[in-house]
């Protein structure tokens, strides 16, 4: 009995440490069960079928919630009398309260059960993703704080729901960010179906919050571009009739709300991606034969031209952005500011395309093995890159059709046409480069294995003379016991000198092993250097291309060319769909390029 108790205590402590490297006993594995497949003879087959059924039913739950919320939001847009914005907020508040209850239950109940988290996915929830959740979450909290302050100033003409909704949103953001920061790598092994349904409900709620943010972004874009057509469309809403008084605090709340608004859409999309990986990892059992994930460190050693060219692109982009913001927000925007803006893109996008093509060619020349291990995180990265790229590509094709049908020979029209074509090429080439790089096995693990082998060999060799000397010293101590006190200090000094010599020899041998490795693979060194230069250059370029539209530069909407061709409503819907996806694509590309950089 006592032996069984000790075994249980050790296994529970093992679960608390969440170690995924050692194999787990079959008694600790909770196989999934589902009533439709209760007559299956094989436990493994029943577990597989139950997992598929659980994913199907949780997916159906999310689909129904998304369709219900989309119907509410669409009714608010097209029939704002029957369904108001307050009704949509009430529905979303109910969904957020349900998600909060499930997250708290997961934190306090599910994750603390015995053998709940036997495995952790080392690829899921990398630092840049969790850092993005934290950063965008902080900005989203500030956004809702400004929203509460703005509504409090105009409380005489606004509903109290506009204060309650951001308050619940702040609580939802804080709880969700904490949950994703600590549990994004979990492969939960208990309460499978309930956990899947909770994750899918949270994903659906974030998608509806993103959809509402996209549709509500019309108010902020009309403030920036000083267009009044939307006001006529939403004339029945009481929120539009409210005007900010000429007070400093109201202007601060309004400008802060408009400035931080894009971060809310980014936060929703990033949370959806992390929650989807967690949903795929429910019930997943990682084999102990699986090669552990090597944590790569970000170093700037060996790269010069990539950071230099990227810094130049960032500095010029910031200058162009500031000049554009100053001139485009005036009452009559100058056409020269649009020429300057599109000229910057026409110069930068070909450089990025050439770099991506060169990186893809270098990947083809390298003799690296493809990583074919099942990785839900990498699969999701590929899906998000391809899906988010559709926003920019779709907007570009609509612009191409409009400009070719009007007058492509005019200077501004030709620049916009070139920009649209180059943007399509740059997006495709960059996607190919990132996806190919994510599927390549890094050579860092091989290098570390070789160096570790050399270190162990020479450490064992250096220990032998020390053992012989200690044995000889002990014999001499027995024969010359009278001189032991006199020679004690000399023996200590000799032992220290011997250890220093052995450490120096070990360092020299490690250096020789490193030099021999570099010499053996000298034909790959220039390729890795080139990949790091290209990756770092593309990282900085994508950062500036993310900053410009995120902080309010929307020339595709403000130049008026496509709007006059398609009409205000059609082009506004296209921009509202494609622009947030384009911003998310640039941010996600930065993460993929950093992964390619550290594994090159």
Foldseek 3Di string as FASTA:
>chain_A
DVVVVVVVVVQQVLVVVLDQQDDDDPVLFQQDADPVQPPDPDSVVRSVVNLVVLLVVLLVLLVVLLVVLVVLLVCCQQPVVVRPPLNSLVSLLVLLVVLLVVLVCCVPPQSSDRSFFNHFAPVADDPLLLVLLVVLLVLLLVLLVLQLLLCVVVVVQDDCSSNVSSVSVNVSSVSLSVSCNPPLGGLTRPPQSSLLNSLSSLLSSLVSQLVNLLVVCVVLLCLQLVDCPVCVSVVVDSVSVDDQDPDPSNVVSVLSNSQSSLSSNLSSVSSSLSSVLNSVSHSDRDDSVDDDDDDFDDDPPLADQLVVLLVVLLVVLVVLLVVCSVQSSDPDHDVVSLLSVLVSLLVPLVVLLVLLVVLLVLLVVDPFDFAPDDDPSLVSLLVLLVVLLCLLLVLLVLLLVLLVVPPCVDSSNVSSNSSSVSSNSSSVSLSSSLNSLVGTFFCVVVVVVQLVVLLVVLVVVLVVVVVVVVVVVVVVCVVCVVCCVVCVVVVVVVVVVSVVVSVVVSVVSSVVSVVVVCVVVVVCPVSLSSLLSSLSNLLSNLVSVLVSVSRPDDCSLNVCSSCVRPPPVVSSVSCSVSVSSNNSSSSSSNVSSSVSNSRD
